[in-house]
């Protein structure tokens, strides 16, 4: 897991002003839980493009890559292969959304380092499958594409974006994380904490704070998936009231 995800190019004033076309289904109710067969529809101009330009910093070149192939190159670097599959799928959607937001904000080629999100040439069957199983799916909120920042671990509770970078985004607020336990393997021992960060000690499964603490906690996603949550439930927990959506074709 890499923890240096950068959002410096996104000023919160620009984020607040960023307006795009509506979700065709108008979004869901606060209590809705989207399942694999209940993904929202994006209007055409919000859909994932066919390609993305990637700055390969070490090589000093820019490559134009298939968008889904790009996401396949991100997952081995950002989450790896050891986490439960639903957590890997959640990471696939978050990474795709982050890249789409970058493109829509007109920031030019996305870099392949921790200043953006890490991309590499490694591929694994499980991470490729997670990308294929969520192909084209992104997170949207209130006629907008979510700024899907993520971090390694939050110490039990994520940060509100206004406390880290200033400004407000309704979907990037502080939420509890299931990432601290007695390491028994029993989901009854996984619990949210009310204060963050917790401090790792001894054999506890508290991972402490690693990263900026905003958005999805990867360790929290790991715990939720271990305890039976689906990828869309993980995502809508960390990106409050957002919706997993994809471009829908007419029948």
C-alpha atoms as a PDB file:
ATOM      1  CA  UNK A   1       0.000   0.000   0.000  1.00  0.00           C
ATOM      2  CA  UNK A   2       1.226   3.476  -0.829  1.00  0.00           C
ATOM      3  CA  UNK A   3       0.173   6.308   1.448  1.00  0.00           C
ATOM      4  CA  UNK A   4       1.324   9.458  -0.353  1.00  0.00           C
ATOM      5  CA  UNK A   5      -1.758  10.046  -2.503  1.00  0.00           C
ATOM      6  CA  UNK A   6      -1.658  13.712  -3.472  1.00  0.00           C
ATOM      7  CA  UNK A   7      -4.515  16.125  -3.883  1.00  0.00           C
ATOM      8  CA  UNK A   8      -2.573  19.351  -4.159  1.00  0.00           C
ATOM      9  CA  UNK A   9      -3.730  19.978  -7.722  1.00  0.00           C
ATOM     10  CA  UNK A  10      -7.328  19.995  -6.555  1.00  0.00           C
ATOM     11  CA  UNK A  11      -8.052  23.254  -4.745  1.00  0.00           C
ATOM     12  CA  UNK A  12     -11.196  22.910  -2.716  1.00  0.00           C
ATOM     13  CA  UNK A  13     -12.584  26.033  -4.376  1.00  0.00           C
ATOM     14  CA  UNK A  14     -12.240  24.265  -7.719  1.00  0.00           C
ATOM     15  CA  UNK A  15     -13.827  21.154  -6.281  1.00  0.00           C
ATOM     16  CA  UNK A  16     -16.798  23.132  -5.010  1.00  0.00           C
ATOM     17  CA  UNK A  17     -17.219  24.806  -8.371  1.00  0.00           C
ATOM     18  CA  UNK A  18     -16.845  21.628 -10.416  1.00  0.00           C
ATOM     19  CA  UNK A  19     -20.249  20.880 -11.978  1.00  0.00           C
ATOM     20  CA  UNK A  20     -21.041  18.156 -14.456  1.00  0.00           C
ATOM     21  CA  UNK A  21     -24.134  16.577 -15.969  1.00  0.00           C
ATOM     22  CA  UNK A  22     -26.628  14.766 -13.780  1.00  0.00           C
ATOM     23  CA  UNK A  23     -26.776  11.134 -12.885  1.00  0.00           C
ATOM     24  CA  UNK A  24     -29.547   9.830 -15.056  1.00  0.00           C
ATOM     25  CA  UNK A  25     -31.332   8.142 -12.153  1.00  0.00           C
ATOM     26  CA  UNK A  26     -30.977  11.106  -9.785  1.00  0.00           C
ATOM     27  CA  UNK A  27     -29.061   9.148  -7.120  1.00  0.00           C
ATOM     28  CA  UNK A  28     -30.344   7.032  -4.283  1.00  0.00           C
ATOM     29  CA  UNK A  29     -31.842   7.546  -0.851  1.00  0.00           C
ATOM     30  CA  UNK A  30     -29.533   7.784   2.146  1.00  0.00           C
ATOM     31  CA  UNK A  31     -30.549   4.315   3.346  1.00  0.00           C
ATOM     32  CA  UNK A  32     -30.106   2.563  -0.003  1.00  0.00           C
ATOM     33  CA  UNK A  33     -27.450  -0.132  -0.232  1.00  0.00           C
ATOM     34  CA  UNK A  34     -26.422  -0.796  -3.799  1.00  0.00           C
ATOM     35  CA  UNK A  35     -25.743  -4.401  -4.732  1.00  0.00           C
ATOM     36  CA  UNK A  36     -23.899  -5.817  -7.712  1.00  0.00           C
ATOM     37  CA  UNK A  37     -27.122  -5.734  -9.754  1.00  0.00           C
ATOM     38  CA  UNK A  38     -28.227  -2.293  -8.584  1.00  0.00           C
ATOM     39  CA  UNK A  39     -25.518   0.060  -9.841  1.00  0.00           C
ATOM     40  CA  UNK A  40     -26.605   3.565 -10.812  1.00  0.00           C
ATOM     41  CA  UNK A  41     -26.423   5.014 -14.320  1.00  0.00           C
ATOM     42  CA  UNK A  42     -24.073   7.774 -15.437  1.00  0.00           C
ATOM     43  CA  UNK A  43     -24.873  10.221 -18.166  1.00  0.00           C
ATOM     44  CA  UNK A  44     -22.628   9.763 -21.182  1.00  0.00           C
ATOM     45  CA  UNK A  45     -20.369  12.720 -20.441  1.00  0.00           C
ATOM     46  CA  UNK A  46     -19.511  11.335 -17.005  1.00  0.00           C
ATOM     47  CA  UNK A  47     -18.521   7.912 -18.271  1.00  0.00           C
ATOM     48  CA  UNK A  48     -14.982   6.572 -18.142  1.00  0.00           C
ATOM     49  CA  UNK A  49     -13.077   7.438 -21.345  1.00  0.00           C
ATOM     50  CA  UNK A  50     -11.377   4.799 -23.459  1.00  0.00           C
ATOM     51  CA  UNK A  51      -7.838   5.968 -22.682  1.00  0.00           C
ATOM     52  CA  UNK A  52      -5.832   7.994 -20.196  1.00  0.00           C
ATOM     53  CA  UNK A  53      -2.463   9.720 -20.512  1.00  0.00           C
ATOM     54  CA  UNK A  54       0.042   8.610 -17.875  1.00  0.00           C
ATOM     55  CA  UNK A  55       3.302  10.349 -17.033  1.00  0.00           C
ATOM     56  CA  UNK A  56       5.991   7.720 -16.455  1.00  0.00           C
ATOM     57  CA  UNK A  57       8.147   9.888 -14.264  1.00  0.00           C
ATOM     58  CA  UNK A  58      11.270   7.734 -14.088  1.00  0.00           C
ATOM     59  CA  UNK A  59      11.317   7.192 -17.862  1.00  0.00           C
ATOM     60  CA  UNK A  60      10.504  10.814 -18.650  1.00  0.00           C
ATOM     61  CA  UNK A  61       7.731   9.858 -21.078  1.00  0.00           C
ATOM     62  CA  UNK A  62       3.960  10.110 -21.385  1.00  0.00           C
ATOM     63  CA  UNK A  63       2.011   7.035 -22.454  1.00  0.00           C
ATOM     64  CA  UNK A  64      -1.587   6.872 -23.607  1.00  0.00           C
ATOM     65  CA  UNK A  65      -3.045   3.726 -22.078  1.00  0.00           C
ATOM     66  CA  UNK A  66      -6.348   1.927 -22.160  1.00  0.00           C
ATOM     67  CA  UNK A  67      -8.167   3.271 -19.095  1.00  0.00           C
ATOM     68  CA  UNK A  68      -9.031  -0.130 -17.644  1.00  0.00           C
ATOM     69  CA  UNK A  69      -5.488  -1.392 -18.293  1.00  0.00           C
ATOM     70  CA  UNK A  70      -4.249   1.644 -16.401  1.00  0.00           C
ATOM     71  CA  UNK A  71      -6.391   0.705 -13.386  1.00  0.00           C
ATOM     72  CA  UNK A  72      -4.987  -2.832 -13.620  1.00  0.00           C
ATOM     73  CA  UNK A  73      -1.531  -1.320 -13.241  1.00  0.00           C
ATOM     74  CA  UNK A  74      -2.568   0.700 -10.183  1.00  0.00           C
ATOM     75  CA  UNK A  75      -4.026  -2.077  -8.042  1.00  0.00           C
ATOM     76  CA  UNK A  76      -0.859  -4.170  -7.547  1.00  0.00           C
ATOM     77  CA  UNK A  77       0.908  -1.027  -6.351  1.00  0.00           C
ATOM     78  CA  UNK A  78      -1.841   0.417  -4.184  1.00  0.00           C
ATOM     79  CA  UNK A  79      -3.446  -2.621  -2.541  1.00  0.00           C
ATOM     80  CA  UNK A  80      -1.713  -5.789  -3.708  1.00  0.00           C
ATOM     81  CA  UNK A  81      -3.120  -9.308  -3.661  1.00  0.00           C
ATOM     82  CA  UNK A  82      -3.454 -10.275   0.000  1.00  0.00           C
ATOM     83  CA  UNK A  83      -6.647  -8.400   0.911  1.00  0.00           C
ATOM     84  CA  UNK A  84     -10.132  -9.957   0.611  1.00  0.00           C
ATOM     85  CA  UNK A  85     -11.548  -9.731  -2.896  1.00  0.00           C
ATOM     86  CA  UNK A  86     -14.323  -7.265  -2.030  1.00  0.00           C
ATOM     87  CA  UNK A  87     -11.690  -4.862  -0.658  1.00  0.00           C
ATOM     88  CA  UNK A  88      -9.690  -5.204  -3.881  1.00  0.00           C
ATOM     89  CA  UNK A  89     -12.841  -4.442  -5.899  1.00  0.00           C
ATOM     90  CA  UNK A  90     -13.483  -1.384  -3.718  1.00  0.00           C
ATOM     91  CA  UNK A  91      -9.946  -0.224  -4.463  1.00  0.00           C
ATOM     92  CA  UNK A  92     -10.529  -0.733  -8.191  1.00  0.00           C
ATOM     93  CA  UNK A  93     -13.540   1.594  -8.142  1.00  0.00           C
ATOM     94  CA  UNK A  94     -11.734   4.161  -5.976  1.00  0.00           C
ATOM     95  CA  UNK A  95      -8.662   4.158  -8.236  1.00  0.00           C
ATOM     96  CA  UNK A  96     -10.775   4.439 -11.393  1.00  0.00           C
ATOM     97  CA  UNK A  97     -12.772   7.289  -9.854  1.00  0.00           C
ATOM     98  CA  UNK A  98      -9.653   9.129  -8.749  1.00  0.00           C
ATOM     99  CA  UNK A  99      -8.210   8.908 -12.265  1.00  0.00           C
ATOM    100  CA  UNK A 100     -11.476   9.982 -13.905  1.00  0.00           C
ATOM    101  CA  UNK A 101     -11.688  12.996 -11.619  1.00  0.00           C
ATOM    102  CA  UNK A 102      -8.123  13.907 -12.577  1.00  0.00           C
ATOM    103  CA  UNK A 103      -9.008  13.764 -16.273  1.00  0.00           C
ATOM    104  CA  UNK A 104     -12.249  15.721 -15.873  1.00  0.00           C
ATOM    105  CA  UNK A 105     -10.454  18.459 -13.940  1.00  0.00           C
ATOM    106  CA  UNK A 106      -8.121  18.925 -16.924  1.00  0.00           C
ATOM    107  CA  UNK A 107      -4.906  18.320 -15.020  1.00  0.00           C
ATOM    108  CA  UNK A 108      -3.025  16.739 -17.902  1.00  0.00           C
ATOM    109  CA  UNK A 109      -1.283  13.356 -17.724  1.00  0.00           C
ATOM    110  CA  UNK A 110      -1.655  11.577 -14.381  1.00  0.00           C
ATOM    111  CA  UNK A 111       1.694  10.717 -12.833  1.00  0.00           C
ATOM    112  CA  UNK A 112       2.692   7.192 -11.825  1.00  0.00           C
ATOM    113  CA  UNK A 113       4.070   8.073  -8.377  1.00  0.00           C
ATOM    114  CA  UNK A 114       2.662   8.727  -4.914  1.00  0.00           C
ATOM    115  CA  UNK A 115       2.080  12.318  -5.983  1.00  0.00           C
ATOM    116  CA  UNK A 116      -0.951  10.958  -7.874  1.00  0.00           C
ATOM    117  CA  UNK A 117      -1.611   7.246  -7.458  1.00  0.00           C
ATOM    118  CA  UNK A 118       1.074   4.665  -8.117  1.00  0.00           C
ATOM    119  CA  UNK A 119       1.050   2.845 -11.455  1.00  0.00           C
ATOM    120  CA  UNK A 120       3.377   0.048 -12.514  1.00  0.00           C
ATOM    121  CA  UNK A 121       3.787  -2.743 -15.031  1.00  0.00           C
ATOM    122  CA  UNK A 122       3.051  -5.621 -12.632  1.00  0.00           C
ATOM    123  CA  UNK A 123      -0.174  -7.554 -13.141  1.00  0.00           C
ATOM    124  CA  UNK A 124      -1.863 -10.247 -11.073  1.00  0.00           C
ATOM    125  CA  UNK A 125      -4.892 -12.382 -11.822  1.00  0.00           C
ATOM    126  CA  UNK A 126      -6.799 -11.280  -8.727  1.00  0.00           C
ATOM    127  CA  UNK A 127      -6.281  -7.552  -9.264  1.00  0.00           C
ATOM    128  CA  UNK A 128      -7.052  -7.862 -12.984  1.00  0.00           C
ATOM    129  CA  UNK A 129     -10.267  -9.717 -12.104  1.00  0.00           C
ATOM    130  CA  UNK A 130     -11.297  -6.990  -9.654  1.00  0.00           C
ATOM    131  CA  UNK A 131     -10.919  -4.389 -12.399  1.00  0.00           C
ATOM    132  CA  UNK A 132     -12.852  -6.513 -14.892  1.00  0.00           C
ATOM    133  CA  UNK A 133     -15.636  -7.198 -12.399  1.00  0.00           C
ATOM    134  CA  UNK A 134     -16.127  -3.478 -11.755  1.00  0.00           C
ATOM    135  CA  UNK A 135     -15.344  -2.249 -15.286  1.00  0.00           C
ATOM    136  CA  UNK A 136     -16.534   1.300 -15.888  1.00  0.00           C
ATOM    137  CA  UNK A 137     -17.840   1.773 -12.344  1.00  0.00           C
ATOM    138  CA  UNK A 138     -17.059   4.997 -10.493  1.00  0.00           C
ATOM    139  CA  UNK A 139     -18.350   6.933  -7.500  1.00  0.00           C
ATOM    140  CA  UNK A 140     -20.652   9.896  -8.012  1.00  0.00           C
ATOM    141  CA  UNK A 141     -22.274  12.351  -5.637  1.00  0.00           C
ATOM    142  CA  UNK A 142     -24.711  15.180  -6.310  1.00  0.00           C
ATOM    143  CA  UNK A 143     -24.097  15.445 -10.064  1.00  0.00           C
ATOM    144  CA  UNK A 144     -20.358  15.174  -9.589  1.00  0.00           C
ATOM    145  CA  UNK A 145     -17.560  12.629  -9.767  1.00  0.00           C
ATOM    146  CA  UNK A 146     -16.170  11.976  -6.310  1.00  0.00           C
ATOM    147  CA  UNK A 147     -12.628  12.952  -5.328  1.00  0.00           C
ATOM    148  CA  UNK A 148     -11.860   9.387  -4.271  1.00  0.00           C
ATOM    149  CA  UNK A 149      -8.807   9.859  -2.095  1.00  0.00           C
ATOM    150  CA  UNK A 150      -7.730   6.923   0.053  1.00  0.00           C
ATOM    151  CA  UNK A 151      -5.086   6.052   2.609  1.00  0.00           C
ATOM    152  CA  UNK A 152      -3.509   3.039   4.285  1.00  0.00           C
ATOM    153  CA  UNK A 153      -5.074   3.184   7.756  1.00  0.00           C
ATOM    154  CA  UNK A 154      -6.885   5.718   9.883  1.00  0.00           C
ATOM    155  CA  UNK A 155      -6.331   4.489  13.409  1.00  0.00           C
ATOM    156  CA  UNK A 156     -10.017   3.797  13.849  1.00  0.00           C
ATOM    157  CA  UNK A 157     -11.641   6.892  12.399  1.00  0.00           C
ATOM    158  CA  UNK A 158     -11.134   8.812   9.163  1.00  0.00           C
ATOM    159  CA  UNK A 159     -10.627  12.563   8.993  1.00  0.00           C
ATOM    160  CA  UNK A 160     -13.047  15.167   7.711  1.00  0.00           C
ATOM    161  CA  UNK A 161     -11.511  16.786   4.640  1.00  0.00           C
ATOM    162  CA  UNK A 162     -11.936  20.270   6.116  1.00  0.00           C
ATOM    163  CA  UNK A 163      -9.641  19.344   9.011  1.00  0.00           C
ATOM    164  CA  UNK A 164      -6.879  18.207   6.648  1.00  0.00           C
ATOM    165  CA  UNK A 165      -7.042  20.369   3.514  1.00  0.00           C
ATOM    166  CA  UNK A 166      -9.710  22.948   4.374  1.00  0.00           C
ATOM    167  CA  UNK A 167     -13.060  23.463   2.675  1.00  0.00           C
ATOM    168  CA  UNK A 168     -15.894  20.960   2.771  1.00  0.00           C
ATOM    169  CA  UNK A 169     -17.034  18.010   0.700  1.00  0.00           C
ATOM    170  CA  UNK A 170     -20.145  16.312   2.005  1.00  0.00           C
ATOM    171  CA  UNK A 171     -18.940  12.835   1.056  1.00  0.00           C
ATOM    172  CA  UNK A 172     -15.503  13.227   2.706  1.00  0.00           C
ATOM    173  CA  UNK A 173     -16.473  13.417   6.359  1.00  0.00           C
ATOM    174  CA  UNK A 174     -15.151  11.556   9.371  1.00  0.00           C
ATOM    175  CA  UNK A 175     -16.480   8.006   9.711  1.00  0.00           C
ATOM    176  CA  UNK A 176     -15.599   5.079  11.958  1.00  0.00           C
ATOM    177  CA  UNK A 177     -13.459   2.195  10.731  1.00  0.00           C
ATOM    178  CA  UNK A 178     -13.495  -1.495  11.519  1.00  0.00           C
ATOM    179  CA  UNK A 179      -9.754  -1.850  11.686  1.00  0.00           C
ATOM    180  CA  UNK A 180      -8.920  -2.578  15.303  1.00  0.00           C
ATOM    181  CA  UNK A 181      -9.340  -5.971  16.946  1.00  0.00           C
ATOM    182  CA  UNK A 182      -7.895  -8.655  19.182  1.00  0.00           C
ATOM    183  CA  UNK A 183      -6.695 -10.620  16.158  1.00  0.00           C
ATOM    184  CA  UNK A 184      -8.875 -13.625  16.983  1.00  0.00           C
ATOM    185  CA  UNK A 185     -10.367 -13.818  13.498  1.00  0.00           C
ATOM    186  CA  UNK A 186     -13.827 -13.408  15.033  1.00  0.00           C
ATOM    187  CA  UNK A 187     -15.715 -10.511  13.473  1.00  0.00           C
ATOM    188  CA  UNK A 188     -17.298  -9.771  16.833  1.00  0.00           C
ATOM    189  CA  UNK A 189     -13.871  -8.493  17.868  1.00  0.00           C
ATOM    190  CA  UNK A 190     -13.741  -5.936  15.081  1.00  0.00           C
ATOM    191  CA  UNK A 191     -15.115  -2.664  16.326  1.00  0.00           C
ATOM    192  CA  UNK A 192     -15.227   1.018  15.420  1.00  0.00           C
ATOM    193  CA  UNK A 193     -13.484   3.419  17.769  1.00  0.00           C
ATOM    194  CA  UNK A 194     -14.698   6.848  18.740  1.00  0.00           C
ATOM    195  CA  UNK A 195     -11.345   8.593  18.845  1.00  0.00           C
ATOM    196  CA  UNK A 196      -8.450   8.519  16.409  1.00  0.00           C
ATOM    197  CA  UNK A 197      -5.764   7.606  16.061  1.00  0.00           C
ATOM    198  CA  UNK A 198      -5.397   4.491  18.144  1.00  0.00           C
ATOM    199  CA  UNK A 199      -1.838   3.423  18.895  1.00  0.00           C
ATOM    200  CA  UNK A 200      -0.563   0.056  17.740  1.00  0.00           C
ATOM    201  CA  UNK A 201       0.668  -2.063  20.614  1.00  0.00           C
ATOM    202  CA  UNK A 202       1.547  -5.703  21.070  1.00  0.00           C
ATOM    203  CA  UNK A 203      -0.598  -8.151  19.157  1.00  0.00           C
ATOM    204  CA  UNK A 204      -3.559  -5.887  18.538  1.00  0.00           C
ATOM    205  CA  UNK A 205      -4.820  -5.315  14.997  1.00  0.00           C
ATOM    206  CA  UNK A 206      -4.742  -1.580  15.436  1.00  0.00           C
ATOM    207  CA  UNK A 207      -2.669  -0.271  12.562  1.00  0.00           C
ATOM    208  CA  UNK A 208      -2.545   3.312  13.781  1.00  0.00           C
ATOM    209  CA  UNK A 209      -2.571   6.253  11.376  1.00  0.00           C
ATOM    210  CA  UNK A 210      -0.783   5.885   8.062  1.00  0.00           C
ATOM    211  CA  UNK A 211      -1.494   8.537   5.452  1.00  0.00           C
ATOM    212  CA  UNK A 212      -3.670  11.631   5.413  1.00  0.00           C
ATOM    213  CA  UNK A 213      -6.692   9.844   6.884  1.00  0.00           C
ATOM    214  CA  UNK A 214      -9.250  11.171   4.361  1.00  0.00           C
ATOM    215  CA  UNK A 215     -11.565   8.929   2.335  1.00  0.00           C
ATOM    216  CA  UNK A 216     -11.281   5.169   2.210  1.00  0.00           C
ATOM    217  CA  UNK A 217      -9.078   3.437   4.742  1.00  0.00           C
ATOM    218  CA  UNK A 218      -7.535   0.409   3.043  1.00  0.00           C
ATOM    219  CA  UNK A 219      -7.188  -1.434   6.367  1.00  0.00           C
ATOM    220  CA  UNK A 220     -10.780  -0.518   7.127  1.00  0.00           C
ATOM    221  CA  UNK A 221     -11.831  -1.904   3.750  1.00  0.00           C
ATOM    222  CA  UNK A 222      -9.892  -5.060   4.530  1.00  0.00           C
ATOM    223  CA  UNK A 223     -11.733  -5.493   7.825  1.00  0.00           C
ATOM    224  CA  UNK A 224     -15.161  -4.794   6.319  1.00  0.00           C
ATOM    225  CA  UNK A 225     -14.566  -7.302   3.524  1.00  0.00           C
ATOM    226  CA  UNK A 226     -13.333  -9.872   6.032  1.00  0.00           C
ATOM    227  CA  UNK A 227     -16.585  -9.416   7.931  1.00  0.00           C
ATOM    228  CA  UNK A 228     -18.778  -9.917   4.872  1.00  0.00           C
ATOM    229  CA  UNK A 229     -19.374  -6.428   3.481  1.00  0.00           C
ATOM    230  CA  UNK A 230     -19.564  -6.035  -0.305  1.00  0.00           C
ATOM    231  CA  UNK A 231     -17.388  -3.604  -2.235  1.00  0.00           C
ATOM    232  CA  UNK A 232     -20.218  -1.125  -2.792  1.00  0.00           C
ATOM    233  CA  UNK A 233     -21.055  -1.127   0.921  1.00  0.00           C
ATOM    234  CA  UNK A 234     -17.397  -0.422   1.709  1.00  0.00           C
ATOM    235  CA  UNK A 235     -17.302   2.463  -0.740  1.00  0.00           C
ATOM    236  CA  UNK A 236     -20.559   4.075   0.350  1.00  0.00           C
ATOM    237  CA  UNK A 237     -19.389   3.877   3.967  1.00  0.00           C
ATOM    238  CA  UNK A 238     -16.186   5.787   3.322  1.00  0.00           C
ATOM    239  CA  UNK A 239     -17.589   8.161   0.703  1.00  0.00           C
ATOM    240  CA  UNK A 240     -20.738   9.181   2.552  1.00  0.00           C
ATOM    241  CA  UNK A 241     -23.945   9.088   0.463  1.00  0.00           C
ATOM    242  CA  UNK A 242     -22.005   8.588  -2.773  1.00  0.00           C
ATOM    243  CA  UNK A 243     -23.280   6.120  -5.350  1.00  0.00           C
ATOM    244  CA  UNK A 244     -21.509   3.470  -7.369  1.00  0.00           C
ATOM    245  CA  UNK A 245     -22.478   4.160 -10.964  1.00  0.00           C
ATOM    246  CA  UNK A 246     -21.578   3.259 -14.544  1.00  0.00           C
ATOM    247  CA  UNK A 247     -22.575   4.278 -18.042  1.00  0.00           C
ATOM    248  CA  UNK A 248     -25.793   2.510 -18.971  1.00  0.00           C
ATOM    249  CA  UNK A 249     -26.690   1.554 -22.501  1.00  0.00           C
ATOM    250  CA  UNK A 250     -30.222   1.842 -23.810  1.00  0.00           C
ATOM    251  CA  UNK A 251     -32.121  -1.409 -24.303  1.00  0.00           C
END
